[in-house]
């Protein structure tokens, strides 16, 4: 299975100290061969991506556990605010009602200070031809 076809990927970003942090994200294929997702500009992954564009991705389950038989792939991420329309359209098409539910859960998790929801998009160029 190509990374872009996965329902989730384990996205590894890196702290300033070099420590790797992995979390699951939704992923969509982009027309230019990259993969993309959206996130909050205040999320930990966005903060780490502002420090370094280096990422490692791998197909995963919804908890970020790697899919058996898959391999990690190095990549370079580029954030865009406001989100790229292509990413917004493709995420909504691929994940449908789940996008509405995740926005609701984000509001419930942070009732006093609501984090921005999906206000930046991330496009990842992968090393090699992994789709």
C-alpha atoms as a PDB file:
ATOM      1  CA  UNK A   1       0.000   0.000   0.000  1.00  0.00           C
ATOM      2  CA  UNK A   2       1.308   3.457  -0.913  1.00  0.00           C
ATOM      3  CA  UNK A   3       1.672   5.904   1.942  1.00  0.00           C
ATOM      4  CA  UNK A   4      -0.792   8.303   0.298  1.00  0.00           C
ATOM      5  CA  UNK A   5      -3.446   5.556   0.219  1.00  0.00           C
ATOM      6  CA  UNK A   6      -3.215   4.895   3.964  1.00  0.00           C
ATOM      7  CA  UNK A   7      -6.037   6.033   6.224  1.00  0.00           C
ATOM      8  CA  UNK A   8      -3.447   7.122   8.803  1.00  0.00           C
ATOM      9  CA  UNK A   9       0.279   7.658   8.824  1.00  0.00           C
ATOM     10  CA  UNK A  10       2.655   7.800  11.745  1.00  0.00           C
ATOM     11  CA  UNK A  11       4.237  11.231  11.378  1.00  0.00           C
ATOM     12  CA  UNK A  12       7.518  11.692  13.172  1.00  0.00           C
ATOM     13  CA  UNK A  13       8.707  15.240  13.792  1.00  0.00           C
ATOM     14  CA  UNK A  14      11.738  16.340  15.759  1.00  0.00           C
ATOM     15  CA  UNK A  15      12.213  18.575  18.791  1.00  0.00           C
ATOM     16  CA  UNK A  16      15.036  21.110  18.903  1.00  0.00           C
ATOM     17  CA  UNK A  17      16.930  18.582  21.035  1.00  0.00           C
ATOM     18  CA  UNK A  18      16.635  16.039  18.205  1.00  0.00           C
ATOM     19  CA  UNK A  19      14.180  13.819  20.101  1.00  0.00           C
ATOM     20  CA  UNK A  20      11.678  12.201  17.755  1.00  0.00           C
ATOM     21  CA  UNK A  21       7.932  12.593  18.429  1.00  0.00           C
ATOM     22  CA  UNK A  22       5.483  10.378  16.523  1.00  0.00           C
ATOM     23  CA  UNK A  23       1.732  10.889  16.169  1.00  0.00           C
ATOM     24  CA  UNK A  24      -0.939   9.607  13.786  1.00  0.00           C
ATOM     25  CA  UNK A  25      -2.364  11.941  11.142  1.00  0.00           C
ATOM     26  CA  UNK A  26      -4.802  11.643   8.262  1.00  0.00           C
ATOM     27  CA  UNK A  27      -3.150  11.784   4.868  1.00  0.00           C
ATOM     28  CA  UNK A  28      -4.191  12.575   1.304  1.00  0.00           C
ATOM     29  CA  UNK A  29      -2.279  12.333  -1.981  1.00  0.00           C
ATOM     30  CA  UNK A  30      -1.580  15.659  -3.672  1.00  0.00           C
ATOM     31  CA  UNK A  31      -1.570  16.248  -7.420  1.00  0.00           C
ATOM     32  CA  UNK A  32       2.152  17.067  -7.436  1.00  0.00           C
ATOM     33  CA  UNK A  33       3.158  13.717  -5.905  1.00  0.00           C
ATOM     34  CA  UNK A  34       3.451  14.945  -2.326  1.00  0.00           C
ATOM     35  CA  UNK A  35       1.203  13.899   0.552  1.00  0.00           C
ATOM     36  CA  UNK A  36      -0.722  16.330   2.715  1.00  0.00           C
ATOM     37  CA  UNK A  37      -2.677  16.809   5.920  1.00  0.00           C
ATOM     38  CA  UNK A  38      -4.042  19.631   8.039  1.00  0.00           C
ATOM     39  CA  UNK A  39      -3.402  20.528  11.655  1.00  0.00           C
ATOM     40  CA  UNK A  40      -3.701  23.304  14.208  1.00  0.00           C
ATOM     41  CA  UNK A  41      -1.057  26.010  14.120  1.00  0.00           C
ATOM     42  CA  UNK A  42      -0.798  25.534  17.897  1.00  0.00           C
ATOM     43  CA  UNK A  43      -0.286  21.762  17.787  1.00  0.00           C
ATOM     44  CA  UNK A  44       2.977  20.258  18.905  1.00  0.00           C
ATOM     45  CA  UNK A  45       3.681  18.945  15.407  1.00  0.00           C
ATOM     46  CA  UNK A  46       3.263  22.443  13.921  1.00  0.00           C
ATOM     47  CA  UNK A  47       5.610  23.892  16.535  1.00  0.00           C
ATOM     48  CA  UNK A  48       8.202  21.212  15.773  1.00  0.00           C
ATOM     49  CA  UNK A  49       7.812  21.717  12.003  1.00  0.00           C
ATOM     50  CA  UNK A  50       8.528  25.430  12.443  1.00  0.00           C
ATOM     51  CA  UNK A  51      11.885  24.342  13.859  1.00  0.00           C
ATOM     52  CA  UNK A  52      12.771  21.696  11.265  1.00  0.00           C
ATOM     53  CA  UNK A  53      11.080  20.481   8.087  1.00  0.00           C
ATOM     54  CA  UNK A  54      12.530  16.990   8.514  1.00  0.00           C
ATOM     55  CA  UNK A  55       9.900  14.265   8.976  1.00  0.00           C
ATOM     56  CA  UNK A  56       9.611  10.502   8.808  1.00  0.00           C
ATOM     57  CA  UNK A  57       6.322   8.908   7.746  1.00  0.00           C
ATOM     58  CA  UNK A  58       4.988   5.361   7.752  1.00  0.00           C
ATOM     59  CA  UNK A  59       1.539   3.805   7.249  1.00  0.00           C
ATOM     60  CA  UNK A  60      -0.084   3.275  10.654  1.00  0.00           C
ATOM     61  CA  UNK A  61      -3.278   2.626  12.532  1.00  0.00           C
ATOM     62  CA  UNK A  62      -5.254   5.375  14.259  1.00  0.00           C
ATOM     63  CA  UNK A  63      -2.961   5.212  17.276  1.00  0.00           C
ATOM     64  CA  UNK A  64       0.225   5.689  15.270  1.00  0.00           C
ATOM     65  CA  UNK A  65       1.342   2.053  15.419  1.00  0.00           C
ATOM     66  CA  UNK A  66       3.165   1.125  12.219  1.00  0.00           C
ATOM     67  CA  UNK A  67       1.459  -1.229   9.787  1.00  0.00           C
ATOM     68  CA  UNK A  68       3.233  -4.604   9.666  1.00  0.00           C
ATOM     69  CA  UNK A  69       5.496  -4.919   6.663  1.00  0.00           C
ATOM     70  CA  UNK A  70       5.699  -1.164   6.037  1.00  0.00           C
ATOM     71  CA  UNK A  71       8.885   0.868   6.199  1.00  0.00           C
ATOM     72  CA  UNK A  72       9.541   4.425   7.378  1.00  0.00           C
ATOM     73  CA  UNK A  73      10.219   7.014   4.675  1.00  0.00           C
ATOM     74  CA  UNK A  74      12.122  10.278   5.147  1.00  0.00           C
ATOM     75  CA  UNK A  75      10.484  13.453   3.971  1.00  0.00           C
ATOM     76  CA  UNK A  76      10.525  17.233   3.993  1.00  0.00           C
ATOM     77  CA  UNK A  77       7.449  19.120   5.181  1.00  0.00           C
ATOM     78  CA  UNK A  78       6.205  22.527   4.136  1.00  0.00           C
ATOM     79  CA  UNK A  79       3.492  24.313   6.145  1.00  0.00           C
ATOM     80  CA  UNK A  80       1.007  26.693   4.583  1.00  0.00           C
ATOM     81  CA  UNK A  81      -1.421  29.069   6.282  1.00  0.00           C
ATOM     82  CA  UNK A  82      -4.181  29.410   5.339  1.00  0.00           C
ATOM     83  CA  UNK A  83      -4.519  25.732   4.398  1.00  0.00           C
ATOM     84  CA  UNK A  84      -4.070  24.780   0.759  1.00  0.00           C
ATOM     85  CA  UNK A  85      -7.520  24.366  -0.853  1.00  0.00           C
ATOM     86  CA  UNK A  86      -6.413  21.064  -2.429  1.00  0.00           C
ATOM     87  CA  UNK A  87      -5.666  19.586   0.997  1.00  0.00           C
ATOM     88  CA  UNK A  88      -8.920  20.844   2.543  1.00  0.00           C
ATOM     89  CA  UNK A  89     -11.000  19.457  -0.325  1.00  0.00           C
ATOM     90  CA  UNK A  90      -9.251  16.086  -0.367  1.00  0.00           C
ATOM     91  CA  UNK A  91      -9.323  15.614   3.419  1.00  0.00           C
ATOM     92  CA  UNK A  92     -13.057  16.362   3.525  1.00  0.00           C
ATOM     93  CA  UNK A  93     -13.678  14.011   0.594  1.00  0.00           C
ATOM     94  CA  UNK A  94     -11.613  11.156   2.072  1.00  0.00           C
ATOM     95  CA  UNK A  95     -12.669  11.450   5.726  1.00  0.00           C
ATOM     96  CA  UNK A  96     -16.187  12.927   5.385  1.00  0.00           C
ATOM     97  CA  UNK A  97     -18.151  13.115   8.636  1.00  0.00           C
ATOM     98  CA  UNK A  98     -14.996  12.323  10.616  1.00  0.00           C
ATOM     99  CA  UNK A  99     -13.770  15.875   9.953  1.00  0.00           C
ATOM    100  CA  UNK A 100     -16.870  17.306  11.634  1.00  0.00           C
ATOM    101  CA  UNK A 101     -16.528  14.939  14.574  1.00  0.00           C
ATOM    102  CA  UNK A 102     -12.843  15.712  15.072  1.00  0.00           C
ATOM    103  CA  UNK A 103     -13.606  19.439  15.132  1.00  0.00           C
ATOM    104  CA  UNK A 104     -16.287  18.835  17.774  1.00  0.00           C
ATOM    105  CA  UNK A 105     -13.928  16.692  19.861  1.00  0.00           C
ATOM    106  CA  UNK A 106     -11.248  19.391  19.611  1.00  0.00           C
ATOM    107  CA  UNK A 107     -13.705  21.951  21.013  1.00  0.00           C
ATOM    108  CA  UNK A 108     -14.774  19.613  23.813  1.00  0.00           C
ATOM    109  CA  UNK A 109     -11.168  18.840  24.739  1.00  0.00           C
ATOM    110  CA  UNK A 110     -10.301  22.534  25.045  1.00  0.00           C
ATOM    111  CA  UNK A 111     -13.499  24.258  26.258  1.00  0.00           C
ATOM    112  CA  UNK A 112     -11.829  27.390  27.618  1.00  0.00           C
ATOM    113  CA  UNK A 113      -9.095  27.972  25.058  1.00  0.00           C
ATOM    114  CA  UNK A 114     -10.182  26.487  21.774  1.00  0.00           C
ATOM    115  CA  UNK A 115      -7.203  25.686  19.605  1.00  0.00           C
ATOM    116  CA  UNK A 116      -7.485  26.719  15.978  1.00  0.00           C
ATOM    117  CA  UNK A 117      -8.818  23.785  13.967  1.00  0.00           C
ATOM    118  CA  UNK A 118      -7.139  22.838  10.687  1.00  0.00           C
ATOM    119  CA  UNK A 119      -5.794  26.349  10.140  1.00  0.00           C
ATOM    120  CA  UNK A 120      -2.552  25.167   8.513  1.00  0.00           C
ATOM    121  CA  UNK A 121      -1.849  22.507   5.967  1.00  0.00           C
ATOM    122  CA  UNK A 122       1.305  20.485   5.592  1.00  0.00           C
ATOM    123  CA  UNK A 123       2.602  19.095   2.311  1.00  0.00           C
ATOM    124  CA  UNK A 124       5.324  16.451   2.551  1.00  0.00           C
ATOM    125  CA  UNK A 125       7.793  15.581  -0.180  1.00  0.00           C
ATOM    126  CA  UNK A 126       8.934  12.001   0.274  1.00  0.00           C
ATOM    127  CA  UNK A 127      12.364  10.576  -0.457  1.00  0.00           C
ATOM    128  CA  UNK A 128      12.108   8.099  -3.329  1.00  0.00           C
ATOM    129  CA  UNK A 129       8.974   7.101  -5.223  1.00  0.00           C
ATOM    130  CA  UNK A 130       6.532   5.929  -2.540  1.00  0.00           C
ATOM    131  CA  UNK A 131       3.296   7.449  -3.813  1.00  0.00           C
END
